[in-house]
Amino acid sequence: MLLSLYRSLRSYRGFILGNVKREFQARYRNSLFGALWAVLNSLSMIIIYTVIFSQIMRARLPGMALLALIPLLILQVVFAAGLGMLPGILNVFFRDVGQMFGICLQFWFWLTPIVYPLSILPPGIQHVISLNPMTALMTNYQNVFLYNQWPDRSSLTPLLIIGLVLCAMALHLFRQRVGKMVDEL
């Protein structure tokens, strides 16, 4: 399934690269620093995280558990690709999807234990938050970075299944609508 997704993306690479280039140019068109903002944004996030985690929280890089980041990142990319493609395709036909998705992502961010540990929440809320598929991923990231523990693979299985299903659905929708998407764009 991922191989067929890769083939589809590869066959439309000219279309995709053209759209990315147009978006990039439009985003930085009238700004003083232009595309340098992309680098400055990323650099500022690295500095912020470095200061917070190394100076304020006194965190140290994990040892061998750092290798566990590779499968966690792959899992995150699969899930994010499937999740991002669906509203991306729908947004071509229904422009409100992009606006609504942005609002949903803000809520989802705070309903996922990214900047807080799950353990600080009351037990009833912990149960509700644990239904969020990203909770297991973020908890495993925290375990690797903060406690030098290896990820719990069984807790990540639902996220993998959901990610693969989302990718399959997005690929199916893309194949159904690709001709109409070109007309809409």
N, C-alpha and C. Protein backbone atom coordinates (compact mmCIF):
# COMPACT_ATOMS: atom_id res chain seq x y z
N MET A 1 0.82 -1.18 0.00
CA MET A 1 0.00 0.00 0.00
C MET A 1 0.87 1.26 0.00
N LEU A 2 1.89 1.31 0.85
CA LEU A 2 2.77 2.46 0.87
C LEU A 2 3.56 2.59 -0.43
N LEU A 3 3.86 1.45 -1.04
CA LEU A 3 4.57 1.48 -2.31
C LEU A 3 3.69 2.09 -3.40
N SER A 4 2.41 1.75 -3.41
CA SER A 4 1.51 2.34 -4.41
C SER A 4 1.30 3.83 -4.14
N LEU A 5 1.30 4.22 -2.87
CA LEU A 5 1.21 5.64 -2.53
C LEU A 5 2.44 6.37 -3.05
N TYR A 6 3.60 5.78 -2.86
CA TYR A 6 4.85 6.37 -3.35
C TYR A 6 4.81 6.50 -4.87
N ARG A 7 4.32 5.47 -5.56
CA ARG A 7 4.25 5.53 -7.03
C ARG A 7 3.31 6.64 -7.49
N SER A 8 2.17 6.77 -6.80
CA SER A 8 1.23 7.84 -7.16
C SER A 8 1.86 9.21 -6.95
N LEU A 9 2.52 9.39 -5.82
CA LEU A 9 3.18 10.67 -5.55
C LEU A 9 4.27 10.94 -6.58
N ARG A 10 4.99 9.90 -6.95
CA ARG A 10 6.07 10.06 -7.92
C ARG A 10 5.52 10.43 -9.30
N SER A 11 4.39 9.85 -9.68
CA SER A 11 3.84 10.15 -11.00
C SER A 11 3.28 11.57 -11.08
N TYR A 12 2.93 12.15 -9.94
CA TYR A 12 2.40 13.52 -9.91
C TYR A 12 3.42 14.50 -9.33
N ARG A 13 4.69 14.14 -9.36
CA ARG A 13 5.70 14.97 -8.70
C ARG A 13 5.81 16.36 -9.33
N GLY A 14 5.63 16.48 -10.62
CA GLY A 14 5.68 17.79 -11.26
C GLY A 14 4.57 18.69 -10.76
N PHE A 15 3.38 18.13 -10.67
CA PHE A 15 2.22 18.87 -10.16
C PHE A 15 2.45 19.28 -8.71
N ILE A 16 2.93 18.34 -7.90
CA ILE A 16 3.15 18.60 -6.47
C ILE A 16 4.25 19.64 -6.29
N LEU A 17 5.37 19.48 -6.98
CA LEU A 17 6.47 20.44 -6.84
C LEU A 17 6.06 21.83 -7.32
N GLY A 18 5.27 21.90 -8.38
CA GLY A 18 4.78 23.19 -8.86
C GLY A 18 3.92 23.89 -7.83
N ASN A 19 3.04 23.13 -7.19
CA ASN A 19 2.18 23.71 -6.16
C ASN A 19 2.98 24.14 -4.94
N VAL A 20 3.95 23.33 -4.54
CA VAL A 20 4.80 23.69 -3.40
C VAL A 20 5.57 24.97 -3.71
N LYS A 21 6.11 25.07 -4.91
CA LYS A 21 6.87 26.26 -5.30
C LYS A 21 5.99 27.50 -5.29
N ARG A 22 4.77 27.39 -5.85
CA ARG A 22 3.85 28.53 -5.85
C ARG A 22 3.47 28.95 -4.44
N GLU A 23 3.20 27.97 -3.58
CA GLU A 23 2.85 28.27 -2.19
C GLU A 23 4.00 28.95 -1.47
N PHE A 24 5.20 28.44 -1.68
CA PHE A 24 6.39 29.01 -1.04
C PHE A 24 6.60 30.45 -1.50
N GLN A 25 6.47 30.68 -2.81
CA GLN A 25 6.65 32.04 -3.34
C GLN A 25 5.57 32.98 -2.83
N ALA A 26 4.33 32.50 -2.78
CA ALA A 26 3.23 33.34 -2.31
C ALA A 26 3.39 33.69 -0.83
N ARG A 27 3.86 32.76 -0.05
CA ARG A 27 4.00 32.98 1.39
C ARG A 27 5.01 34.08 1.70
N TYR A 28 6.10 34.13 0.96
CA TYR A 28 7.17 35.07 1.28
C TYR A 28 7.31 36.20 0.27
N ARG A 29 6.31 36.40 -0.57
CA ARG A 29 6.39 37.35 -1.68
C ARG A 29 6.78 38.77 -1.25
N ASN A 30 6.06 39.37 -0.34
CA ASN A 30 6.30 40.77 0.00
C ASN A 30 6.99 40.95 1.35
N SER A 31 7.69 39.94 1.80
CA SER A 31 8.36 40.07 3.10
C SER A 31 9.80 40.52 2.89
N LEU A 32 10.33 41.19 3.89
CA LEU A 32 11.68 41.74 3.82
C LEU A 32 12.74 40.66 3.72
N PHE A 33 12.60 39.58 4.51
CA PHE A 33 13.61 38.53 4.52
C PHE A 33 13.30 37.38 3.58
N GLY A 34 12.12 37.37 2.98
CA GLY A 34 11.77 36.33 2.01
C GLY A 34 11.82 34.93 2.59
N ALA A 35 12.45 34.02 1.83
CA ALA A 35 12.51 32.61 2.24
C ALA A 35 13.38 32.39 3.46
N LEU A 36 14.16 33.38 3.85
CA LEU A 36 14.97 33.27 5.06
C LEU A 36 14.08 33.03 6.29
N TRP A 37 12.82 33.48 6.21
CA TRP A 37 11.90 33.26 7.33
C TRP A 37 11.72 31.78 7.63
N ALA A 38 11.74 30.94 6.62
CA ALA A 38 11.59 29.50 6.85
C ALA A 38 12.74 28.98 7.72
N VAL A 39 13.94 29.45 7.44
CA VAL A 39 15.10 29.04 8.23
C VAL A 39 15.04 29.65 9.62
N LEU A 40 14.70 30.94 9.70
CA LEU A 40 14.64 31.61 11.00
C LEU A 40 13.58 30.99 11.91
N ASN A 41 12.45 30.61 11.34
CA ASN A 41 11.39 29.95 12.13
C ASN A 41 11.90 28.65 12.73
N SER A 42 12.50 27.83 11.91
CA SER A 42 13.02 26.54 12.38
C SER A 42 14.13 26.74 13.39
N LEU A 43 15.03 27.66 13.12
CA LEU A 43 16.14 27.92 14.02
C LEU A 43 15.64 28.42 15.38
N SER A 44 14.64 29.29 15.38
CA SER A 44 14.11 29.79 16.65
C SER A 44 13.48 28.66 17.47
N MET A 45 12.80 27.73 16.81
CA MET A 45 12.21 26.60 17.54
C MET A 45 13.30 25.72 18.15
N ILE A 46 14.37 25.50 17.42
CA ILE A 46 15.48 24.70 17.95
C ILE A 46 16.09 25.38 19.18
N ILE A 47 16.29 26.69 19.10
CA ILE A 47 16.86 27.43 20.23
C ILE A 47 15.92 27.38 21.43
N ILE A 48 14.63 27.60 21.20
CA ILE A 48 13.65 27.57 22.29
C ILE A 48 13.65 26.21 22.97
N TYR A 49 13.56 25.14 22.19
CA TYR A 49 13.53 23.80 22.78
C TYR A 49 14.84 23.49 23.50
N THR A 50 15.95 23.90 22.92
CA THR A 50 17.24 23.64 23.57
C THR A 50 17.32 24.33 24.92
N VAL A 51 16.93 25.59 24.97
CA VAL A 51 16.98 26.33 26.23
C VAL A 51 16.02 25.73 27.25
N ILE A 52 14.80 25.45 26.84
CA ILE A 52 13.81 24.92 27.78
C ILE A 52 14.24 23.57 28.32
N PHE A 53 14.61 22.65 27.43
CA PHE A 53 14.91 21.30 27.88
C PHE A 53 16.28 21.18 28.55
N SER A 54 17.29 21.89 28.05
CA SER A 54 18.62 21.71 28.64
C SER A 54 18.85 22.60 29.85
N GLN A 55 18.35 23.82 29.83
CA GLN A 55 18.63 24.75 30.91
C GLN A 55 17.54 24.76 31.98
N ILE A 56 16.30 24.80 31.58
CA ILE A 56 15.21 24.91 32.55
C ILE A 56 14.83 23.55 33.11
N MET A 57 14.62 22.56 32.24
CA MET A 57 14.18 21.24 32.71
C MET A 57 15.35 20.31 33.01
N ARG A 58 16.57 20.73 32.69
CA ARG A 58 17.78 19.93 32.95
C ARG A 58 17.71 18.53 32.34
N ALA A 59 17.11 18.43 31.19
CA ALA A 59 17.01 17.12 30.52
C ALA A 59 18.33 16.80 29.84
N ARG A 60 18.64 15.53 29.78
CA ARG A 60 19.83 15.06 29.09
C ARG A 60 19.37 14.17 27.93
N LEU A 61 20.19 14.12 26.91
CA LEU A 61 19.85 13.25 25.78
C LEU A 61 19.87 11.80 26.25
N PRO A 62 18.89 11.01 25.81
CA PRO A 62 18.87 9.61 26.20
C PRO A 62 20.01 8.85 25.54
N GLY A 63 20.36 7.73 26.11
CA GLY A 63 21.44 6.90 25.57
C GLY A 63 20.96 6.12 24.36
N MET A 64 20.99 4.81 24.49
CA MET A 64 20.61 3.93 23.39
C MET A 64 19.14 4.08 23.02
N ALA A 65 18.32 4.53 23.94
CA ALA A 65 16.90 4.70 23.64
C ALA A 65 16.68 5.73 22.54
N LEU A 66 17.69 6.55 22.27
CA LEU A 66 17.59 7.52 21.19
C LEU A 66 17.34 6.83 19.84
N LEU A 67 17.82 5.61 19.70
CA LEU A 67 17.57 4.84 18.48
C LEU A 67 16.09 4.56 18.28
N ALA A 68 15.33 4.57 19.36
CA ALA A 68 13.89 4.33 19.28
C ALA A 68 13.17 5.46 18.57
N LEU A 69 13.82 6.59 18.40
CA LEU A 69 13.18 7.71 17.72
C LEU A 69 12.92 7.39 16.26
N ILE A 70 13.73 6.55 15.65
CA ILE A 70 13.56 6.25 14.23
C ILE A 70 12.20 5.61 13.95
N PRO A 71 11.82 4.51 14.63
CA PRO A 71 10.49 3.97 14.36
C PRO A 71 9.37 4.90 14.82
N LEU A 72 9.60 5.67 15.88
CA LEU A 72 8.57 6.62 16.31
C LEU A 72 8.34 7.68 15.25
N LEU A 73 9.42 8.18 14.66
CA LEU A 73 9.29 9.19 13.61
C LEU A 73 8.62 8.62 12.36
N ILE A 74 8.97 7.39 12.00
CA ILE A 74 8.34 6.75 10.84
C ILE A 74 6.84 6.59 11.08
N LEU A 75 6.49 6.14 12.26
CA LEU A 75 5.07 6.00 12.62
C LEU A 75 4.36 7.34 12.56
N GLN A 76 5.01 8.37 13.06
CA GLN A 76 4.42 9.71 13.04
C GLN A 76 4.23 10.20 11.61
N VAL A 77 5.18 9.94 10.74
CA VAL A 77 5.08 10.37 9.35
C VAL A 77 3.94 9.65 8.64
N VAL A 78 3.81 8.35 8.86
CA VAL A 78 2.72 7.58 8.24
C VAL A 78 1.37 8.14 8.68
N PHE A 79 1.22 8.36 9.98
CA PHE A 79 -0.04 8.88 10.52
C PHE A 79 -0.30 10.29 9.98
N ALA A 80 0.71 11.14 10.03
CA ALA A 80 0.54 12.53 9.58
C ALA A 80 0.26 12.60 8.08
N ALA A 81 0.89 11.74 7.30
CA ALA A 81 0.66 11.74 5.85
C ALA A 81 -0.79 11.38 5.55
N GLY A 82 -1.27 10.32 6.18
CA GLY A 82 -2.66 9.93 5.96
C GLY A 82 -3.63 10.99 6.44
N LEU A 83 -3.35 11.54 7.61
CA LEU A 83 -4.23 12.55 8.18
C LEU A 83 -4.17 13.85 7.38
N GLY A 84 -3.02 14.20 6.86
CA GLY A 84 -2.89 15.44 6.10
C GLY A 84 -3.45 15.35 4.69
N MET A 85 -3.33 14.19 4.07
CA MET A 85 -3.80 14.05 2.68
C MET A 85 -5.32 14.13 2.58
N LEU A 86 -6.01 13.53 3.53
CA LEU A 86 -7.48 13.54 3.45
C LEU A 86 -8.06 14.95 3.43
N PRO A 87 -7.79 15.78 4.43
CA PRO A 87 -8.34 17.14 4.35
C PRO A 87 -7.73 17.94 3.21
N GLY A 88 -6.49 17.62 2.83
CA GLY A 88 -5.87 18.32 1.70
C GLY A 88 -6.64 18.10 0.41
N ILE A 89 -7.04 16.86 0.18
CA ILE A 89 -7.82 16.54 -1.01
C ILE A 89 -9.21 17.16 -0.92
N LEU A 90 -9.83 17.02 0.25
CA LEU A 90 -11.17 17.58 0.43
C LEU A 90 -11.17 19.10 0.31
N ASN A 91 -10.08 19.74 0.74
CA ASN A 91 -10.00 21.20 0.70
C ASN A 91 -10.01 21.74 -0.73
N VAL A 92 -9.60 20.92 -1.68
CA VAL A 92 -9.65 21.34 -3.08
C VAL A 92 -11.09 21.62 -3.50
N PHE A 93 -12.01 20.81 -3.00
CA PHE A 93 -13.42 20.93 -3.38
C PHE A 93 -14.24 21.75 -2.39
N PHE A 94 -13.88 21.70 -1.14
CA PHE A 94 -14.61 22.41 -0.08
C PHE A 94 -13.59 23.25 0.69
N ARG A 95 -13.49 24.52 0.36
CA ARG A 95 -12.44 25.38 0.91
C ARG A 95 -12.55 25.59 2.42
N ASP A 96 -13.70 25.35 2.99
CA ASP A 96 -13.85 25.50 4.44
C ASP A 96 -13.12 24.41 5.22
N VAL A 97 -12.81 23.31 4.56
CA VAL A 97 -12.15 22.20 5.25
C VAL A 97 -10.82 22.66 5.84
N GLY A 98 -10.05 23.44 5.10
CA GLY A 98 -8.75 23.92 5.58
C GLY A 98 -8.89 24.77 6.83
N GLN A 99 -9.88 25.66 6.83
CA GLN A 99 -10.10 26.52 8.00
C GLN A 99 -10.55 25.70 9.20
N MET A 100 -11.47 24.79 8.96
CA MET A 100 -11.99 23.96 10.05
C MET A 100 -10.90 23.03 10.58
N PHE A 101 -10.08 22.50 9.70
CA PHE A 101 -9.01 21.60 10.12
C PHE A 101 -8.01 22.32 11.01
N GLY A 102 -7.71 23.57 10.69
CA GLY A 102 -6.80 24.36 11.53
C GLY A 102 -7.33 24.54 12.94
N ILE A 103 -8.62 24.80 13.06
CA ILE A 103 -9.24 24.95 14.38
C ILE A 103 -9.20 23.62 15.12
N CYS A 104 -9.53 22.55 14.42
CA CYS A 104 -9.51 21.21 15.05
C CYS A 104 -8.10 20.86 15.53
N LEU A 105 -7.08 21.21 14.76
CA LEU A 105 -5.70 20.92 15.16
C LEU A 105 -5.31 21.66 16.43
N GLN A 106 -5.82 22.88 16.60
CA GLN A 106 -5.53 23.62 17.83
C GLN A 106 -6.10 22.91 19.05
N PHE A 107 -7.35 22.48 18.94
CA PHE A 107 -7.95 21.73 20.04
C PHE A 107 -7.20 20.42 20.28
N TRP A 108 -6.89 19.74 19.18
CA TRP A 108 -6.21 18.45 19.28
C TRP A 108 -4.85 18.59 19.96
N PHE A 109 -4.14 19.68 19.66
CA PHE A 109 -2.84 19.92 20.28
C PHE A 109 -2.97 19.92 21.81
N TRP A 110 -3.95 20.63 22.33
CA TRP A 110 -4.09 20.74 23.79
C TRP A 110 -4.74 19.50 24.39
N LEU A 111 -5.39 18.69 23.58
CA LEU A 111 -5.95 17.43 24.08
C LEU A 111 -4.97 16.27 23.93
N THR A 112 -3.75 16.57 23.56
CA THR A 112 -2.68 15.58 23.44
C THR A 112 -1.59 15.95 24.44
N PRO A 113 -1.12 15.01 25.23
CA PRO A 113 -0.09 15.35 26.23
C PRO A 113 1.29 15.57 25.59
N ILE A 114 1.42 16.74 24.96
CA ILE A 114 2.68 17.10 24.33
C ILE A 114 3.52 17.93 25.30
N VAL A 115 2.92 18.99 25.83
CA VAL A 115 3.64 19.89 26.73
C VAL A 115 3.38 19.58 28.20
N TYR A 116 2.64 18.54 28.45
CA TYR A 116 2.37 18.11 29.83
C TYR A 116 2.35 16.59 29.87
N PRO A 117 2.72 16.00 31.00
CA PRO A 117 2.63 14.54 31.12
C PRO A 117 1.19 14.12 31.43
N LEU A 118 0.79 13.00 30.91
CA LEU A 118 -0.57 12.49 31.13
C LEU A 118 -0.85 12.30 32.61
N SER A 119 0.16 12.01 33.39
CA SER A 119 -0.01 11.70 34.81
C SER A 119 -0.50 12.87 35.65
N ILE A 120 -0.41 14.11 35.16
CA ILE A 120 -0.86 15.24 35.97
C ILE A 120 -2.37 15.46 35.89
N LEU A 121 -3.03 14.75 34.98
CA LEU A 121 -4.48 14.91 34.81
C LEU A 121 -5.24 14.01 35.77
N PRO A 122 -6.48 14.40 36.13
CA PRO A 122 -7.32 13.52 36.95
C PRO A 122 -7.59 12.21 36.21
N PRO A 123 -7.80 11.10 36.94
CA PRO A 123 -7.98 9.79 36.30
C PRO A 123 -9.07 9.75 35.23
N GLY A 124 -10.20 10.39 35.45
CA GLY A 124 -11.27 10.39 34.45
C GLY A 124 -10.85 11.06 33.16
N ILE A 125 -10.14 12.17 33.28
CA ILE A 125 -9.66 12.89 32.10
C ILE A 125 -8.54 12.09 31.42
N GLN A 126 -7.70 11.43 32.22
CA GLN A 126 -6.63 10.59 31.65
C GLN A 126 -7.21 9.54 30.73
N HIS A 127 -8.32 8.93 31.16
CA HIS A 127 -8.95 7.89 30.34
C HIS A 127 -9.43 8.46 29.01
N VAL A 128 -10.06 9.63 29.05
CA VAL A 128 -10.57 10.26 27.83
C VAL A 128 -9.40 10.64 26.91
N ILE A 129 -8.37 11.25 27.48
CA ILE A 129 -7.20 11.67 26.69
C ILE A 129 -6.47 10.45 26.11
N SER A 130 -6.49 9.34 26.83
CA SER A 130 -5.79 8.14 26.32
C SER A 130 -6.48 7.55 25.10
N LEU A 131 -7.72 7.94 24.82
CA LEU A 131 -8.41 7.50 23.61
C LEU A 131 -7.88 8.21 22.36
N ASN A 132 -7.21 9.32 22.56
CA ASN A 132 -6.59 10.08 21.48
C ASN A 132 -5.44 9.24 20.91
N PRO A 133 -5.43 8.95 19.62
CA PRO A 133 -4.37 8.09 19.07
C PRO A 133 -2.97 8.69 19.21
N MET A 134 -2.86 10.00 19.31
CA MET A 134 -1.54 10.63 19.44
C MET A 134 -0.99 10.55 20.86
N THR A 135 -1.84 10.24 21.83
CA THR A 135 -1.39 10.16 23.22
C THR A 135 -0.29 9.12 23.39
N ALA A 136 -0.48 7.95 22.80
CA ALA A 136 0.53 6.89 22.92
C ALA A 136 1.85 7.33 22.30
N LEU A 137 1.79 7.99 21.15
CA LEU A 137 3.01 8.43 20.50
C LEU A 137 3.75 9.46 21.35
N MET A 138 3.01 10.46 21.85
CA MET A 138 3.65 11.50 22.65
C MET A 138 4.18 10.96 23.96
N THR A 139 3.45 10.04 24.58
CA THR A 139 3.91 9.43 25.82
C THR A 139 5.20 8.65 25.57
N ASN A 140 5.27 7.97 24.44
CA ASN A 140 6.49 7.22 24.12
C ASN A 140 7.67 8.16 23.83
N TYR A 141 7.40 9.29 23.16
CA TYR A 141 8.46 10.29 22.98
C TYR A 141 8.96 10.78 24.34
N GLN A 142 8.02 11.09 25.24
CA GLN A 142 8.40 11.55 26.58
C GLN A 142 9.22 10.49 27.31
N ASN A 143 8.82 9.23 27.17
CA ASN A 143 9.56 8.15 27.84
C ASN A 143 10.99 8.04 27.31
N VAL A 144 11.15 8.23 26.00
CA VAL A 144 12.49 8.16 25.41
C VAL A 144 13.34 9.35 25.89
N PHE A 145 12.80 10.56 25.75
CA PHE A 145 13.58 11.75 26.06
C PHE A 145 13.79 11.99 27.55
N LEU A 146 12.75 11.80 28.32
CA LEU A 146 12.83 12.16 29.74
C LEU A 146 13.27 11.03 30.65
N TYR A 147 12.90 9.80 30.30
CA TYR A 147 13.15 8.68 31.22
C TYR A 147 14.11 7.63 30.64
N ASN A 148 14.62 7.88 29.42
CA ASN A 148 15.55 6.96 28.76
C ASN A 148 14.97 5.55 28.67
N GLN A 149 13.68 5.47 28.37
CA GLN A 149 13.00 4.18 28.25
C GLN A 149 12.68 3.90 26.78
N TRP A 150 12.65 2.63 26.45
CA TRP A 150 12.26 2.22 25.11
C TRP A 150 10.75 2.34 24.96
N PRO A 151 10.26 2.59 23.74
CA PRO A 151 8.81 2.71 23.53
C PRO A 151 8.08 1.41 23.81
N ASP A 152 6.83 1.56 24.20
CA ASP A 152 5.94 0.42 24.41
C ASP A 152 5.26 0.14 23.07
N ARG A 153 5.72 -0.89 22.38
CA ARG A 153 5.21 -1.18 21.02
C ARG A 153 3.72 -1.46 21.00
N SER A 154 3.22 -2.14 22.01
CA SER A 154 1.80 -2.50 21.99
C SER A 154 0.91 -1.26 22.06
N SER A 155 1.37 -0.20 22.71
CA SER A 155 0.56 1.02 22.79
C SER A 155 0.54 1.77 21.46
N LEU A 156 1.50 1.47 20.58
CA LEU A 156 1.59 2.17 19.30
C LEU A 156 0.86 1.46 18.17
N THR A 157 0.44 0.22 18.39
CA THR A 157 -0.24 -0.55 17.35
C THR A 157 -1.50 0.13 16.83
N PRO A 158 -2.38 0.66 17.71
CA PRO A 158 -3.57 1.34 17.17
C PRO A 158 -3.22 2.52 16.28
N LEU A 159 -2.19 3.28 16.64
CA LEU A 159 -1.79 4.42 15.83
C LEU A 159 -1.29 3.96 14.46
N LEU A 160 -0.54 2.88 14.42
CA LEU A 160 -0.07 2.33 13.15
C LEU A 160 -1.24 1.91 12.27
N ILE A 161 -2.20 1.21 12.86
CA ILE A 161 -3.38 0.76 12.10
C ILE A 161 -4.16 1.96 11.57
N ILE A 162 -4.40 2.94 12.44
CA ILE A 162 -5.14 4.14 12.03
C ILE A 162 -4.38 4.87 10.92
N GLY A 163 -3.06 4.98 11.06
CA GLY A 163 -2.25 5.66 10.05
C GLY A 163 -2.32 4.97 8.70
N LEU A 164 -2.22 3.64 8.70
CA LEU A 164 -2.30 2.89 7.44
C LEU A 164 -3.69 3.00 6.82
N VAL A 165 -4.73 2.95 7.65
CA VAL A 165 -6.10 3.10 7.13
C VAL A 165 -6.29 4.49 6.54
N LEU A 166 -5.79 5.53 7.23
CA LEU A 166 -5.90 6.89 6.70
C LEU A 166 -5.15 7.04 5.38
N CYS A 167 -3.96 6.44 5.28
CA CYS A 167 -3.21 6.49 4.02
C CYS A 167 -3.96 5.78 2.90
N ALA A 168 -4.54 4.63 3.21
CA ALA A 168 -5.31 3.88 2.20
C ALA A 168 -6.53 4.68 1.75
N MET A 169 -7.23 5.28 2.71
CA MET A 169 -8.41 6.09 2.37
C MET A 169 -8.01 7.30 1.53
N ALA A 170 -6.92 7.96 1.90
CA ALA A 170 -6.45 9.13 1.16
C ALA A 170 -6.03 8.74 -0.26
N LEU A 171 -5.34 7.63 -0.39
CA LEU A 171 -4.92 7.16 -1.70
C LEU A 171 -6.14 6.84 -2.57
N HIS A 172 -7.12 6.17 -1.99
CA HIS A 172 -8.35 5.84 -2.71
C HIS A 172 -9.07 7.12 -3.15
N LEU A 173 -9.21 8.07 -2.24
CA LEU A 173 -9.89 9.33 -2.56
C LEU A 173 -9.10 10.10 -3.62
N PHE A 174 -7.79 10.10 -3.50
CA PHE A 174 -6.94 10.79 -4.47
C PHE A 174 -7.13 10.20 -5.87
N ARG A 175 -7.11 8.88 -5.95
CA ARG A 175 -7.28 8.23 -7.25
C ARG A 175 -8.66 8.50 -7.85
N GLN A 176 -9.67 8.58 -7.00
CA GLN A 176 -11.02 8.86 -7.48
C GLN A 176 -11.15 10.28 -8.00
N ARG A 177 -10.49 11.23 -7.35
CA ARG A 177 -10.72 12.65 -7.61
C ARG A 177 -9.60 13.36 -8.36
N VAL A 178 -8.54 12.65 -8.73
CA VAL A 178 -7.37 13.32 -9.30
C VAL A 178 -7.72 14.14 -10.55
N GLY A 179 -8.56 13.64 -11.41
CA GLY A 179 -8.94 14.37 -12.62
C GLY A 179 -9.71 15.64 -12.30
N LYS A 180 -10.61 15.55 -11.35
CA LYS A 180 -11.40 16.72 -10.96
C LYS A 180 -10.56 17.72 -10.16
N MET A 181 -9.55 17.22 -9.45
CA MET A 181 -8.69 18.12 -8.67
C MET A 181 -7.93 19.08 -9.58
N VAL A 182 -7.44 18.56 -10.69
CA VAL A 182 -6.69 19.40 -11.62
C VAL A 182 -7.58 20.52 -12.14
N ASP A 183 -8.84 20.21 -12.44
CA ASP A 183 -9.78 21.23 -12.91
C ASP A 183 -10.06 22.27 -11.84
N GLU A 184 -10.20 21.83 -10.59
CA GLU A 184 -10.52 22.74 -9.49
C GLU A 184 -9.35 23.67 -9.15
N LEU A 185 -8.14 23.13 -9.29
CA LEU A 185 -6.97 23.95 -8.93
C LEU A 185 -6.61 24.88 -10.07
